[in-house]
Structures are given as C-alpha cells and as structure tokens.
C-alpha cells in the first residue's frame, strides 16, 4: 500500500494549496498549465461544468467548432473570469 503524499499545487481556480492531478489532462501547453496550476478538485468542477455546456448547447465532440468553444470555456473557467452557464439554464434539483 502506497503512502506517498499527493502532489500539491497552488490552485489558480480555488486560490489555495490542494492536491494536483496525476498527469496533464489535456494535450499541449494548455495541458501543462492545467497540470501545474489546477487542483484535482477544480478539474472535477470543470468536468461537471463542461458536461452541462455539452448538454445545454447540444455540442458534438466531433465538431471542431465545439471543441474550440469548450477549450476556450475551459481556459476561461480555470484561469480567467469563469465560464457562465447558458442563458436561462436551470440547474437540476438534487434528490
């Protein structure tokens, strides 16, 4: 059983030290930035937000425009002012 401590990062999204990702989750320079500056918790927040965007906008992962849009939203969500839900979006009720 491994007792290694998780790799810690100063998460730009959460504004605090938190366990980092095990590997870059995205290719290229953006993936490297995410790996170095985004925590596991913040990445999970992004994945939930991304799922909402895909569902609400009915995006296809095969569409290059949709992939570009999601990459821009990912950068905005993790490193910028945040990504907004679509106008009129109502979150699902829990329970």
PDB file of N, CA and C in Angstrom:
ATOM      1  N   UNK A   1       0.847  -1.181   0.000  1.00  0.00           N
ATOM      2  CA  UNK A   1       0.000   0.000   0.000  1.00  0.00           C
ATOM      3  C   UNK A   1       0.887   1.238   0.000  1.00  0.00           C
ATOM      4  N   UNK A   2       0.666   2.149  -0.928  1.00  0.00           N
ATOM      5  CA  UNK A   2       1.477   3.357  -1.059  1.00  0.00           C
ATOM      6  C   UNK A   2       1.013   4.426  -0.076  1.00  0.00           C
ATOM      7  N   UNK A   3       1.984   5.066   0.553  1.00  0.00           N
ATOM      8  CA  UNK A   3       1.663   6.159   1.471  1.00  0.00           C
ATOM      9  C   UNK A   3       2.209   7.478   0.943  1.00  0.00           C
ATOM     10  N   UNK A   4       2.503   7.516  -0.357  1.00  0.00           N
ATOM     11  CA  UNK A   4       3.038   8.737  -0.950  1.00  0.00           C
ATOM     12  C   UNK A   4       2.007   9.853  -0.856  1.00  0.00           C
ATOM     13  N   UNK A   5       2.499  11.025  -0.505  1.00  0.00           N
ATOM     14  CA  UNK A   5       1.614  12.192  -0.445  1.00  0.00           C
ATOM     15  C   UNK A   5       1.264  12.631  -1.858  1.00  0.00           C
ATOM     16  N   UNK A   6       0.053  13.136  -2.043  1.00  0.00           N
ATOM     17  CA  UNK A   6      -0.297  13.640  -3.378  1.00  0.00           C
ATOM     18  C   UNK A   6       0.533  14.881  -3.705  1.00  0.00           C
ATOM     19  N   UNK A   7       0.756  15.079  -4.983  1.00  0.00           N
ATOM     20  CA  UNK A   7       1.471  16.266  -5.452  1.00  0.00           C
ATOM     21  C   UNK A   7       0.575  17.475  -5.191  1.00  0.00           C
ATOM     22  N   UNK A   8       1.124  18.487  -4.538  1.00  0.00           N
ATOM     23  CA  UNK A   8       0.338  19.676  -4.205  1.00  0.00           C
ATOM     24  C   UNK A   8       0.610  20.783  -5.222  1.00  0.00           C
ATOM     25  N   UNK A   9      -0.425  21.553  -5.526  1.00  0.00           N
ATOM     26  CA  UNK A   9      -0.300  22.711  -6.414  1.00  0.00           C
ATOM     27  C   UNK A   9      -0.985  23.898  -5.751  1.00  0.00           C
ATOM     28  N   UNK A  10      -0.567  25.076  -6.129  1.00  0.00           N
ATOM     29  CA  UNK A  10      -1.281  26.298  -5.738  1.00  0.00           C
ATOM     30  C   UNK A  10      -2.344  26.488  -6.815  1.00  0.00           C
ATOM     31  N   UNK A  11      -3.574  26.093  -6.508  1.00  0.00           N
ATOM     32  CA  UNK A  11      -4.650  26.068  -7.497  1.00  0.00           C
ATOM     33  C   UNK A  11      -5.123  27.485  -7.830  1.00  0.00           C
ATOM     34  N   UNK A  12      -5.040  27.833  -9.118  1.00  0.00           N
ATOM     35  CA  UNK A  12      -5.473  29.162  -9.547  1.00  0.00           C
ATOM     36  C   UNK A  12      -6.988  29.325  -9.447  1.00  0.00           C
ATOM     37  N   UNK A  13      -7.729  28.250  -9.576  1.00  0.00           N
ATOM     38  CA  UNK A  13      -9.195  28.324  -9.512  1.00  0.00           C
ATOM     39  C   UNK A  13      -9.679  28.472  -8.073  1.00  0.00           C
ATOM     40  N   UNK A  14      -9.112  27.664  -7.164  1.00  0.00           N
ATOM     41  CA  UNK A  14      -9.562  27.671  -5.773  1.00  0.00           C
ATOM     42  C   UNK A  14      -8.828  28.697  -4.921  1.00  0.00           C
ATOM     43  N   UNK A  15      -7.660  29.155  -5.389  1.00  0.00           N
ATOM     44  CA  UNK A  15      -6.892  30.142  -4.639  1.00  0.00           C
ATOM     45  C   UNK A  15      -6.228  29.581  -3.392  1.00  0.00           C
ATOM     46  N   UNK A  16      -5.916  28.275  -3.420  1.00  0.00           N
ATOM     47  CA  UNK A  16      -5.272  27.664  -2.251  1.00  0.00           C
ATOM     48  C   UNK A  16      -4.488  26.427  -2.679  1.00  0.00           C
ATOM     49  N   UNK A  17      -3.644  25.940  -1.759  1.00  0.00           N
ATOM     50  CA  UNK A  17      -2.916  24.695  -1.980  1.00  0.00           C
ATOM     51  C   UNK A  17      -3.903  23.531  -1.962  1.00  0.00           C
ATOM     52  N   UNK A  18      -3.742  22.620  -2.906  1.00  0.00           N
ATOM     53  CA  UNK A  18      -4.631  21.460  -2.979  1.00  0.00           C
ATOM     54  C   UNK A  18      -3.928  20.359  -3.769  1.00  0.00           C
ATOM     55  N   UNK A  19      -4.353  19.109  -3.598  1.00  0.00           N
ATOM     56  CA  UNK A  19      -3.759  18.016  -4.365  1.00  0.00           C
ATOM     57  C   UNK A  19      -3.912  18.248  -5.870  1.00  0.00           C
ATOM     58  N   UNK A  20      -2.805  18.020  -6.596  1.00  0.00           N
ATOM     59  CA  UNK A  20      -2.802  18.217  -8.038  1.00  0.00           C
ATOM     60  C   UNK A  20      -3.188  16.959  -8.794  1.00  0.00           C
ATOM     61  N   UNK A  21      -3.277  17.097 -10.086  1.00  0.00           N
ATOM     62  CA  UNK A  21      -3.603  15.982 -10.972  1.00  0.00           C
ATOM     63  C   UNK A  21      -2.403  15.051 -11.101  1.00  0.00           C
ATOM     64  N   UNK A  22      -2.652  13.804 -11.455  1.00  0.00           N
ATOM     65  CA  UNK A  22      -1.581  12.825 -11.616  1.00  0.00           C
ATOM     66  C   UNK A  22      -0.820  12.999 -12.925  1.00  0.00           C
ATOM     67  N   UNK A  23      -1.479  13.572 -13.927  1.00  0.00           N
ATOM     68  CA  UNK A  23      -0.847  13.801 -15.229  1.00  0.00           C
ATOM     69  C   UNK A  23      -1.610  14.912 -15.949  1.00  0.00           C
ATOM     70  N   UNK A  24      -0.995  15.511 -16.957  1.00  0.00           N
ATOM     71  CA  UNK A  24      -1.717  16.543 -17.707  1.00  0.00           C
ATOM     72  C   UNK A  24      -3.000  15.961 -18.303  1.00  0.00           C
ATOM     73  N   UNK A  25      -4.132  16.626 -18.097  1.00  0.00           N
ATOM     74  CA  UNK A  25      -5.409  16.091 -18.567  1.00  0.00           C
ATOM     75  C   UNK A  25      -5.763  16.501 -19.989  1.00  0.00           C
ATOM     76  N   UNK A  26      -4.888  17.283 -20.603  1.00  0.00           N
ATOM     77  CA  UNK A  26      -5.183  17.867 -21.907  1.00  0.00           C
ATOM     78  C   UNK A  26      -3.857  17.997 -22.642  1.00  0.00           C
ATOM     79  N   UNK A  27      -3.846  17.895 -23.962  1.00  0.00           N
ATOM     80  CA  UNK A  27      -2.576  17.969 -24.689  1.00  0.00           C
ATOM     81  C   UNK A  27      -1.987  19.383 -24.734  1.00  0.00           C
ATOM     82  N   UNK A  28      -0.713  19.450 -25.040  1.00  0.00           N
ATOM     83  CA  UNK A  28      -0.049  20.711 -25.335  1.00  0.00           C
ATOM     84  C   UNK A  28       0.214  21.596 -24.138  1.00  0.00           C
ATOM     85  N   UNK A  29       0.460  22.859 -24.460  1.00  0.00           N
ATOM     86  CA  UNK A  29       0.794  23.867 -23.451  1.00  0.00           C
ATOM     87  C   UNK A  29      -0.336  24.060 -22.446  1.00  0.00           C
ATOM     88  N   UNK A  30      -1.573  24.059 -22.914  1.00  0.00           N
ATOM     89  CA  UNK A  30      -2.707  24.227 -22.004  1.00  0.00           C
ATOM     90  C   UNK A  30      -2.755  23.072 -20.998  1.00  0.00           C
ATOM     91  N   UNK A  31      -2.517  21.863 -21.454  1.00  0.00           N
ATOM     92  CA  UNK A  31      -2.479  20.713 -20.560  1.00  0.00           C
ATOM     93  C   UNK A  31      -1.394  20.838 -19.507  1.00  0.00           C
ATOM     94  N   UNK A  32      -0.227  21.351 -19.915  1.00  0.00           N
ATOM     95  CA  UNK A  32       0.870  21.561 -18.973  1.00  0.00           C
ATOM     96  C   UNK A  32       0.484  22.595 -17.926  1.00  0.00           C
ATOM     97  N   UNK A  33      -0.135  23.694 -18.352  1.00  0.00           N
ATOM     98  CA  UNK A  33      -0.577  24.735 -17.405  1.00  0.00           C
ATOM     99  C   UNK A  33      -1.594  24.179 -16.419  1.00  0.00           C
ATOM    100  N   UNK A  34      -2.531  23.395 -16.922  1.00  0.00           N
ATOM    101  CA  UNK A  34      -3.542  22.798 -16.043  1.00  0.00           C
ATOM    102  C   UNK A  34      -2.863  21.890 -15.023  1.00  0.00           C
ATOM    103  N   UNK A  35      -1.953  21.045 -15.484  1.00  0.00           N
ATOM    104  CA  UNK A  35      -1.245  20.113 -14.602  1.00  0.00           C
ATOM    105  C   UNK A  35      -0.486  20.857 -13.506  1.00  0.00           C
ATOM    106  N   UNK A  36       0.134  21.969 -13.855  1.00  0.00           N
ATOM    107  CA  UNK A  36       0.966  22.710 -12.906  1.00  0.00           C
ATOM    108  C   UNK A  36       0.173  23.639 -11.991  1.00  0.00           C
ATOM    109  N   UNK A  37      -1.036  24.069 -12.405  1.00  0.00           N
ATOM    110  CA  UNK A  37      -1.714  25.136 -11.673  1.00  0.00           C
ATOM    111  C   UNK A  37      -3.150  24.834 -11.241  1.00  0.00           C
ATOM    112  N   UNK A  38      -3.662  23.658 -11.578  1.00  0.00           N
ATOM    113  CA  UNK A  38      -5.065  23.351 -11.280  1.00  0.00           C
ATOM    114  C   UNK A  38      -5.131  22.087 -10.416  1.00  0.00           C
ATOM    115  N   UNK A  39      -5.940  22.140  -9.377  1.00  0.00           N
ATOM    116  CA  UNK A  39      -6.084  21.001  -8.465  1.00  0.00           C
ATOM    117  C   UNK A  39      -7.064  19.967  -9.023  1.00  0.00           C
ATOM    118  N   UNK A  40      -7.033  18.785  -8.421  1.00  0.00           N
ATOM    119  CA  UNK A  40      -7.998  17.740  -8.786  1.00  0.00           C
ATOM    120  C   UNK A  40      -9.424  18.235  -8.578  1.00  0.00           C
ATOM    121  N   UNK A  41      -9.646  18.906  -7.457  1.00  0.00           N
ATOM    122  CA  UNK A  41     -10.989  19.404  -7.140  1.00  0.00           C
ATOM    123  C   UNK A  41     -11.483  20.384  -8.205  1.00  0.00           C
ATOM    124  N   UNK A  42     -10.624  21.327  -8.598  1.00  0.00           N
ATOM    125  CA  UNK A  42     -11.012  22.311  -9.616  1.00  0.00           C
ATOM    126  C   UNK A  42     -11.241  21.630 -10.964  1.00  0.00           C
ATOM    127  N   UNK A  43     -10.427  20.616 -11.284  1.00  0.00           N
ATOM    128  CA  UNK A  43     -10.614  19.888 -12.540  1.00  0.00           C
ATOM    129  C   UNK A  43     -11.969  19.186 -12.545  1.00  0.00           C
ATOM    130  N   UNK A  44     -12.363  18.605 -11.419  1.00  0.00           N
ATOM    131  CA  UNK A  44     -13.672  17.956 -11.328  1.00  0.00           C
ATOM    132  C   UNK A  44     -14.799  18.978 -11.493  1.00  0.00           C
ATOM    133  N   UNK A  45     -14.618  20.184 -10.944  1.00  0.00           N
ATOM    134  CA  UNK A  45     -15.606  21.253 -11.140  1.00  0.00           C
ATOM    135  C   UNK A  45     -15.742  21.573 -12.624  1.00  0.00           C
ATOM    136  N   UNK A  46     -14.581  21.647 -13.324  1.00  0.00           N
ATOM    137  CA  UNK A  46     -14.615  21.921 -14.755  1.00  0.00           C
ATOM    138  C   UNK A  46     -15.342  20.801 -15.504  1.00  0.00           C
ATOM    139  N   UNK A  47     -15.044  19.548 -15.182  1.00  0.00           N
ATOM    140  CA  UNK A  47     -15.682  18.436 -15.895  1.00  0.00           C
ATOM    141  C   UNK A  47     -17.200  18.491 -15.749  1.00  0.00           C
ATOM    142  N   UNK A  48     -17.700  18.831 -14.579  1.00  0.00           N
ATOM    143  CA  UNK A  48     -19.154  18.964 -14.385  1.00  0.00           C
ATOM    144  C   UNK A  48     -19.694  20.138 -15.211  1.00  0.00           C
ATOM    145  N   UNK A  49     -18.957  21.255 -15.208  1.00  0.00           N
ATOM    146  CA  UNK A  49     -19.389  22.430 -15.974  1.00  0.00           C
ATOM    147  C   UNK A  49     -19.377  22.107 -17.473  1.00  0.00           C
ATOM    148  N   UNK A  50     -18.335  21.421 -17.918  1.00  0.00           N
ATOM    149  CA  UNK A  50     -18.230  21.046 -19.326  1.00  0.00           C
ATOM    150  C   UNK A  50     -19.403  20.154 -19.740  1.00  0.00           C
ATOM    151  N   UNK A  51     -19.768  19.198 -18.901  1.00  0.00           N
ATOM    152  CA  UNK A  51     -20.909  18.320 -19.195  1.00  0.00           C
ATOM    153  C   UNK A  51     -22.186  19.134 -19.354  1.00  0.00           C
ATOM    154  N   UNK A  52     -22.372  20.116 -18.475  1.00  0.00           N
ATOM    155  CA  UNK A  52     -23.544  20.986 -18.571  1.00  0.00           C
ATOM    156  C   UNK A  52     -23.522  21.751 -19.899  1.00  0.00           C
ATOM    157  N   UNK A  53     -22.349  22.300 -20.288  1.00  0.00           N
ATOM    158  CA  UNK A  53     -22.254  23.040 -21.551  1.00  0.00           C
ATOM    159  C   UNK A  53     -22.580  22.133 -22.740  1.00  0.00           C
ATOM    160  N   UNK A  54     -22.018  20.932 -22.741  1.00  0.00           N
ATOM    161  CA  UNK A  54     -22.264  19.986 -23.837  1.00  0.00           C
ATOM    162  C   UNK A  54     -23.754  19.669 -23.935  1.00  0.00           C
ATOM    163  N   UNK A  55     -24.381  19.411 -22.810  1.00  0.00           N
ATOM    164  CA  UNK A  55     -25.809  19.067 -22.817  1.00  0.00           C
ATOM    165  C   UNK A  55     -26.684  20.250 -23.202  1.00  0.00           C
ATOM    166  N   UNK A  56     -26.439  21.401 -22.611  1.00  0.00           N
ATOM    167  CA  UNK A  56     -27.297  22.567 -22.862  1.00  0.00           C
ATOM    168  C   UNK A  56     -27.162  23.090 -24.287  1.00  0.00           C
ATOM    169  N   UNK A  57     -25.930  23.091 -24.811  1.00  0.00           N
ATOM    170  CA  UNK A  57     -25.706  23.584 -26.176  1.00  0.00           C
ATOM    171  C   UNK A  57     -25.780  22.462 -27.216  1.00  0.00           C
ATOM    172  N   UNK A  58     -25.979  21.219 -26.744  1.00  0.00           N
ATOM    173  CA  UNK A  58     -26.052  20.045 -27.630  1.00  0.00           C
ATOM    174  C   UNK A  58     -24.819  19.969 -28.537  1.00  0.00           C
ATOM    175  N   UNK A  59     -23.653  20.019 -27.901  1.00  0.00           N
ATOM    176  CA  UNK A  59     -22.390  20.013 -28.634  1.00  0.00           C
ATOM    177  C   UNK A  59     -21.976  18.596 -28.995  1.00  0.00           C
ATOM    178  N   UNK A  60     -21.279  18.468 -30.107  1.00  0.00           N
ATOM    179  CA  UNK A  60     -20.720  17.188 -30.537  1.00  0.00           C
ATOM    180  C   UNK A  60     -19.206  17.245 -30.391  1.00  0.00           C
ATOM    181  N   UNK A  61     -18.632  16.225 -29.765  1.00  0.00           N
ATOM    182  CA  UNK A  61     -17.178  16.155 -29.608  1.00  0.00           C
ATOM    183  C   UNK A  61     -16.480  16.012 -30.958  1.00  0.00           C
ATOM    184  N   UNK A  62     -17.210  15.653 -31.997  1.00  0.00           N
ATOM    185  CA  UNK A  62     -16.625  15.502 -33.327  1.00  0.00           C
ATOM    186  C   UNK A  62     -16.541  16.828 -34.076  1.00  0.00           C
ATOM    187  N   UNK A  63     -17.250  17.833 -33.619  1.00  0.00           N
ATOM    188  CA  UNK A  63     -17.304  19.135 -34.282  1.00  0.00           C
ATOM    189  C   UNK A  63     -16.121  19.997 -33.839  1.00  0.00           C
ATOM    190  N   UNK A  64     -15.235  20.378 -34.779  1.00  0.00           N
ATOM    191  CA  UNK A  64     -14.076  21.206 -34.413  1.00  0.00           C
ATOM    192  C   UNK A  64     -14.474  22.533 -33.750  1.00  0.00           C
ATOM    193  N   UNK A  65     -15.588  23.129 -34.172  1.00  0.00           N
ATOM    194  CA  UNK A  65     -16.044  24.386 -33.550  1.00  0.00           C
ATOM    195  C   UNK A  65     -16.431  24.150 -32.095  1.00  0.00           C
ATOM    196  N   UNK A  66     -17.085  23.035 -31.828  1.00  0.00           N
ATOM    197  CA  UNK A  66     -17.483  22.701 -30.456  1.00  0.00           C
ATOM    198  C   UNK A  66     -16.249  22.467 -29.594  1.00  0.00           C
ATOM    199  N   UNK A  67     -15.258  21.766 -30.136  1.00  0.00           N
ATOM    200  CA  UNK A  67     -14.024  21.521 -29.370  1.00  0.00           C
ATOM    201  C   UNK A  67     -13.309  22.828 -29.062  1.00  0.00           C
ATOM    202  N   UNK A  68     -13.253  23.734 -30.043  1.00  0.00           N
ATOM    203  CA  UNK A  68     -12.629  25.048 -29.826  1.00  0.00           C
ATOM    204  C   UNK A  68     -13.382  25.825 -28.749  1.00  0.00           C
ATOM    205  N   UNK A  69     -14.711  25.818 -28.846  1.00  0.00           N
ATOM    206  CA  UNK A  69     -15.544  26.502 -27.858  1.00  0.00           C
ATOM    207  C   UNK A  69     -15.264  25.959 -26.457  1.00  0.00           C
ATOM    208  N   UNK A  70     -15.235  24.628 -26.312  1.00  0.00           N
ATOM    209  CA  UNK A  70     -15.001  24.027 -24.996  1.00  0.00           C
ATOM    210  C   UNK A  70     -13.602  24.343 -24.476  1.00  0.00           C
ATOM    211  N   UNK A  71     -12.612  24.380 -25.362  1.00  0.00           N
ATOM    212  CA  UNK A  71     -11.257  24.733 -24.929  1.00  0.00           C
ATOM    213  C   UNK A  71     -11.216  26.175 -24.423  1.00  0.00           C
ATOM    214  N   UNK A  72     -11.871  27.080 -25.140  1.00  0.00           N
ATOM    215  CA  UNK A  72     -11.923  28.484 -24.698  1.00  0.00           C
ATOM    216  C   UNK A  72     -12.643  28.604 -23.360  1.00  0.00           C
ATOM    217  N   UNK A  73     -13.754  27.881 -23.220  1.00  0.00           N
ATOM    218  CA  UNK A  73     -14.501  27.915 -21.959  1.00  0.00           C
ATOM    219  C   UNK A  73     -13.685  27.302 -20.820  1.00  0.00           C
ATOM    220  N   UNK A  74     -12.921  26.256 -21.117  1.00  0.00           N
ATOM    221  CA  UNK A  74     -12.078  25.626 -20.100  1.00  0.00           C
ATOM    222  C   UNK A  74     -11.036  26.622 -19.596  1.00  0.00           C
ATOM    223  N   UNK A  75     -10.386  27.321 -20.525  1.00  0.00           N
ATOM    224  CA  UNK A  75      -9.398  28.327 -20.116  1.00  0.00           C
ATOM    225  C   UNK A  75     -10.054  29.426 -19.289  1.00  0.00           C
ATOM    226  N   UNK A  76     -11.212  29.887 -19.733  1.00  0.00           N
ATOM    227  CA  UNK A  76     -11.940  30.931 -19.010  1.00  0.00           C
ATOM    228  C   UNK A  76     -12.333  30.442 -17.611  1.00  0.00           C
ATOM    229  N   UNK A  77     -12.832  29.219 -17.524  1.00  0.00           N
ATOM    230  CA  UNK A  77     -13.290  28.643 -16.257  1.00  0.00           C
ATOM    231  C   UNK A  77     -12.133  28.472 -15.280  1.00  0.00           C
ATOM    232  N   UNK A  78     -11.013  27.926 -15.753  1.00  0.00           N
ATOM    233  CA  UNK A  78      -9.905  27.597 -14.857  1.00  0.00           C
ATOM    234  C   UNK A  78      -8.973  28.770 -14.578  1.00  0.00           C
ATOM    235  N   UNK A  79      -8.720  29.617 -15.579  1.00  0.00           N
ATOM    236  CA  UNK A  79      -7.692  30.648 -15.450  1.00  0.00           C
ATOM    237  C   UNK A  79      -8.215  32.076 -15.532  1.00  0.00           C
ATOM    238  N   UNK A  80      -9.444  32.250 -15.986  1.00  0.00           N
ATOM    239  CA  UNK A  80      -9.941  33.594 -16.231  1.00  0.00           C
ATOM    240  C   UNK A  80     -11.086  33.975 -15.331  1.00  0.00           C
ATOM    241  N   UNK A  81     -12.019  34.680 -15.923  1.00  0.00           N
ATOM    242  CA  UNK A  81     -13.147  35.223 -15.166  1.00  0.00           C
ATOM    243  C   UNK A  81     -14.233  34.192 -14.901  1.00  0.00           C
ATOM    244  N   UNK A  82     -14.055  32.987 -15.403  1.00  0.00           N
ATOM    245  CA  UNK A  82     -15.062  31.946 -15.195  1.00  0.00           C
ATOM    246  C   UNK A  82     -15.931  31.787 -16.424  1.00  0.00           C
ATOM    247  N   UNK A  83     -16.482  30.622 -16.589  1.00  0.00           N
ATOM    248  CA  UNK A  83     -17.368  30.305 -17.706  1.00  0.00           C
ATOM    249  C   UNK A  83     -18.796  30.352 -17.192  1.00  0.00           C
ATOM    250  N   UNK A  84     -19.646  31.041 -17.909  1.00  0.00           N
ATOM    251  CA  UNK A  84     -21.034  31.208 -17.482  1.00  0.00           C
ATOM    252  C   UNK A  84     -21.918  30.115 -18.074  1.00  0.00           C
ATOM    253  N   UNK A  85     -22.936  29.693 -17.337  1.00  0.00           N
ATOM    254  CA  UNK A  85     -23.891  28.745 -17.924  1.00  0.00           C
ATOM    255  C   UNK A  85     -24.700  29.446 -19.019  1.00  0.00           C
ATOM    256  N   UNK A  86     -25.313  28.683 -19.907  1.00  0.00           N
ATOM    257  CA  UNK A  86     -26.143  29.277 -20.950  1.00  0.00           C
ATOM    258  C   UNK A  86     -27.275  30.106 -20.345  1.00  0.00           C
ATOM    259  N   UNK A  87     -27.700  31.122 -21.077  1.00  0.00           N
ATOM    260  CA  UNK A  87     -28.802  31.966 -20.617  1.00  0.00           C
ATOM    261  C   UNK A  87     -30.039  31.099 -20.406  1.00  0.00           C
ATOM    262  N   UNK A  88     -30.679  31.280 -19.278  1.00  0.00           N
ATOM    263  CA  UNK A  88     -31.878  30.524 -18.962  1.00  0.00           C
ATOM    264  C   UNK A  88     -31.619  29.154 -18.364  1.00  0.00           C
ATOM    265  N   UNK A  89     -30.345  28.805 -18.139  1.00  0.00           N
ATOM    266  CA  UNK A  89     -30.022  27.488 -17.576  1.00  0.00           C
ATOM    267  C   UNK A  89     -30.555  27.377 -16.157  1.00  0.00           C
ATOM    268  N   UNK A  90     -31.234  26.274 -15.879  1.00  0.00           N
ATOM    269  CA  UNK A  90     -31.735  25.986 -14.536  1.00  0.00           C
ATOM    270  C   UNK A  90     -31.065  24.692 -14.086  1.00  0.00           C
ATOM    271  N   UNK A  91     -30.241  24.752 -13.019  1.00  0.00           N
ATOM    272  CA  UNK A  91     -29.566  23.529 -12.570  1.00  0.00           C
ATOM    273  C   UNK A  91     -30.572  22.475 -12.133  1.00  0.00           C
ATOM    274  N   UNK A  92     -30.221  21.193 -12.346  1.00  0.00           N
ATOM    275  CA  UNK A  92     -31.132  20.133 -11.913  1.00  0.00           C
ATOM    276  C   UNK A  92     -31.278  20.136 -10.399  1.00  0.00           C
ATOM    277  N   UNK A  93     -32.454  19.772  -9.939  1.00  0.00           N
ATOM    278  CA  UNK A  93     -32.686  19.712  -8.489  1.00  0.00           C
ATOM    279  C   UNK A  93     -32.075  18.440  -7.953  1.00  0.00           C
ATOM    280  N   UNK A  94     -31.459  18.561  -6.786  1.00  0.00           N
ATOM    281  CA  UNK A  94     -30.835  17.397  -6.150  1.00  0.00           C
ATOM    282  C   UNK A  94     -31.908  16.581  -5.448  1.00  0.00           C
ATOM    283  N   UNK A  95     -31.703  15.247  -5.480  1.00  0.00           N
ATOM    284  CA  UNK A  95     -32.589  14.384  -4.714  1.00  0.00           C
ATOM    285  C   UNK A  95     -33.638  13.731  -5.470  1.00  0.00           C
TER     286      UNK A  95
END
